[in-house]
């Protein structure tokens, strides 16, 4: 049996939307591009054909990966989580003692983590350090530039869109 991977409802929808786009749009466009490139003649020196085949390989690999993500997904309904400790789906406000500033992150699945959106994987160093902790706790995260100390200021469970 494949390992189940936790994911939020919003995260699963994003993965399914990308998968649908790749199958219905990208894959179909590539079929046309490859057919047109084939008509140009000698395939050995046909840059358009080779570029399209390389992109097709990339797209098919991504489709297979996303299908595996969907197949192993275990959707966590964050609105139903009731915990004083940090678990998957938590939105956590941290105080960075080095920079003396607060920052908020949501602990999510690997496929939906995105540093720009302040979503961190539960498997990341910070995610691992947070799991099981509660408001008031201090954690230390090993980073390339040295240890970073955070104080956990707040914790809530809210479903993001």
Protein backbone atom coordinates (compact mmCIF):
# COMPACT_ATOMS: atom_id res chain seq x y z
CA UNK A 1 0.00 0.00 0.00
CA UNK A 2 1.27 3.45 -0.88
CA UNK A 3 2.03 5.89 1.90
CA UNK A 4 -0.69 8.42 2.54
CA UNK A 5 0.38 12.03 2.24
CA UNK A 6 -1.57 14.69 4.12
CA UNK A 7 -2.77 17.62 2.04
CA UNK A 8 -5.25 20.45 2.58
CA UNK A 9 -8.45 20.72 0.52
CA UNK A 10 -7.04 23.82 -1.19
CA UNK A 11 -3.74 22.02 -1.88
CA UNK A 12 -5.48 19.03 -3.46
CA UNK A 13 -7.62 21.32 -5.65
CA UNK A 14 -4.46 23.10 -6.87
CA UNK A 15 -2.81 19.76 -7.75
CA UNK A 16 -5.96 18.50 -9.53
CA UNK A 17 -6.29 21.76 -11.49
CA UNK A 18 -2.66 21.53 -12.67
CA UNK A 19 -3.14 17.86 -13.59
CA UNK A 20 -6.28 18.64 -15.63
CA UNK A 21 -4.48 21.49 -17.43
CA UNK A 22 -1.48 19.29 -18.27
CA UNK A 23 -3.66 16.47 -19.62
CA UNK A 24 -6.29 18.49 -21.50
CA UNK A 25 -4.22 21.45 -22.71
CA UNK A 26 -0.45 20.83 -22.62
CA UNK A 27 -0.57 17.19 -23.77
CA UNK A 28 -2.93 18.01 -26.65
CA UNK A 29 -0.89 21.05 -27.75
CA UNK A 30 2.27 18.93 -27.77
CA UNK A 31 0.64 16.28 -29.98
CA UNK A 32 -0.06 19.00 -32.56
CA UNK A 33 3.42 20.54 -32.22
CA UNK A 34 5.12 17.14 -32.64
CA UNK A 35 2.97 16.26 -35.67
CA UNK A 36 3.79 19.60 -37.31
CA UNK A 37 7.51 19.23 -36.56
CA UNK A 38 7.48 15.69 -38.01
CA UNK A 39 6.18 17.10 -41.30
CA UNK A 40 9.27 19.30 -41.57
CA UNK A 41 11.28 16.25 -42.59
CA UNK A 42 14.55 14.76 -41.33
CA UNK A 43 14.06 14.13 -37.62
CA UNK A 44 17.79 13.88 -36.83
CA UNK A 45 18.37 17.59 -37.45
CA UNK A 46 14.89 18.81 -36.56
CA UNK A 47 15.29 21.11 -33.52
CA UNK A 48 11.55 21.80 -33.24
CA UNK A 49 10.80 18.07 -33.08
CA UNK A 50 13.46 17.39 -30.43
CA UNK A 51 12.39 20.38 -28.32
CA UNK A 52 8.75 19.25 -28.47
CA UNK A 53 9.68 15.65 -27.57
CA UNK A 54 11.77 16.89 -24.62
CA UNK A 55 8.89 19.05 -23.39
CA UNK A 56 6.53 16.09 -23.85
CA UNK A 57 8.79 13.97 -21.66
CA UNK A 58 8.79 16.69 -18.97
CA UNK A 59 4.98 17.07 -19.13
CA UNK A 60 4.40 13.29 -18.95
CA UNK A 61 6.75 13.07 -15.95
CA UNK A 62 4.86 15.85 -14.18
CA UNK A 63 1.51 14.19 -14.98
CA UNK A 64 2.74 10.89 -13.50
CA UNK A 65 4.02 12.69 -10.40
CA UNK A 66 0.76 14.59 -9.85
CA UNK A 67 -1.31 11.43 -10.40
CA UNK A 68 0.76 9.74 -7.66
CA UNK A 69 0.18 12.75 -5.36
CA UNK A 70 -3.59 12.55 -5.92
CA UNK A 71 -3.60 8.76 -5.45
CA UNK A 72 -1.77 8.99 -2.10
CA UNK A 73 -3.48 12.15 -0.86
CA UNK A 74 -5.21 12.13 2.52
CA UNK A 75 -7.21 15.35 2.72
CA UNK A 76 -7.11 17.01 6.12
CA UNK A 77 -10.11 19.22 6.92
CA UNK A 78 -8.34 21.94 8.88
CA UNK A 79 -11.62 23.47 10.06
CA UNK A 80 -12.23 20.28 12.09
CA UNK A 81 -8.81 20.24 13.80
CA UNK A 82 -9.01 21.02 17.51
CA UNK A 83 -5.60 21.03 19.16
CA UNK A 84 -3.52 23.18 21.50
CA UNK A 85 -0.44 21.68 19.90
CA UNK A 86 0.85 22.37 16.41
CA UNK A 87 -0.22 19.67 13.96
CA UNK A 88 -0.62 19.49 10.18
CA UNK A 89 -2.60 22.48 8.87
CA UNK A 90 -1.81 24.84 11.73
CA UNK A 91 -1.26 28.52 11.00
CA UNK A 92 1.47 29.61 13.38
CA UNK A 93 2.67 33.09 14.31
CA UNK A 94 6.35 33.02 15.23
CA UNK A 95 8.64 35.64 16.69
CA UNK A 96 12.14 35.51 15.18
CA UNK A 97 14.39 36.47 18.10
CA UNK A 98 17.34 37.26 15.79
CA UNK A 99 15.44 39.68 13.53
CA UNK A 100 13.05 40.74 16.31
CA UNK A 101 10.03 40.41 14.03
CA UNK A 102 6.95 38.22 13.76
CA UNK A 103 6.19 35.98 10.82
CA UNK A 104 3.23 33.68 10.14
CA UNK A 105 3.40 30.29 8.40
CA UNK A 106 0.92 27.52 7.66
CA UNK A 107 2.19 23.95 8.04
CA UNK A 108 1.06 22.05 4.90
CA UNK A 109 1.93 19.06 2.69
CA UNK A 110 5.06 18.91 0.56
CA UNK A 111 3.27 19.43 -2.76
CA UNK A 112 1.56 22.63 -1.57
CA UNK A 113 4.45 24.27 0.28
CA UNK A 114 5.31 27.69 -1.12
CA UNK A 115 7.63 30.12 0.67
CA UNK A 116 6.11 33.12 -1.15
CA UNK A 117 2.69 32.20 0.27
CA UNK A 118 4.20 31.46 3.72
CA UNK A 119 3.26 27.77 3.49
CA UNK A 120 5.90 25.38 4.78
CA UNK A 121 6.04 21.61 4.46
CA UNK A 122 5.58 19.60 7.64
CA UNK A 123 8.74 17.76 6.50
CA UNK A 124 10.87 20.94 6.28
CA UNK A 125 13.31 21.71 9.14
CA UNK A 126 10.99 24.45 10.47
CA UNK A 127 7.88 22.28 9.98
CA UNK A 128 9.49 19.38 11.87
CA UNK A 129 10.55 21.69 14.70
CA UNK A 130 7.01 23.10 15.04
CA UNK A 131 5.01 19.83 15.10
CA UNK A 132 3.90 19.00 18.64
CA UNK A 133 4.82 22.39 20.12
CA UNK A 134 2.39 24.93 21.59
CA UNK A 135 2.02 28.67 22.17
CA UNK A 136 4.79 29.95 24.43
CA UNK A 137 7.32 27.30 23.38
CA UNK A 138 10.70 28.24 21.90
CA UNK A 139 12.21 26.26 19.04
CA UNK A 140 15.61 26.34 17.41
CA UNK A 141 15.92 25.59 13.71
CA UNK A 142 19.25 24.62 12.20
CA UNK A 143 19.81 26.78 9.11
CA UNK A 144 22.78 27.09 6.72
CA UNK A 145 23.68 30.49 8.23
CA UNK A 146 23.36 29.22 11.81
CA UNK A 147 20.65 28.42 14.32
CA UNK A 148 17.46 30.50 14.27
CA UNK A 149 15.40 30.81 17.41
CA UNK A 150 11.63 31.30 17.25
CA UNK A 151 9.07 31.84 19.97
CA UNK A 152 5.59 30.52 19.17
CA UNK A 153 3.24 33.48 19.66
CA UNK A 154 -0.07 32.20 18.32
CA UNK A 155 -1.69 29.17 16.74
CA UNK A 156 -4.93 28.71 14.84
CA UNK A 157 -6.55 26.31 12.41
CA UNK A 158 -8.04 28.12 9.41
CA UNK A 159 -8.78 26.69 5.97
CA UNK A 160 -7.11 28.75 3.22
CA UNK A 161 -8.69 29.05 -0.21
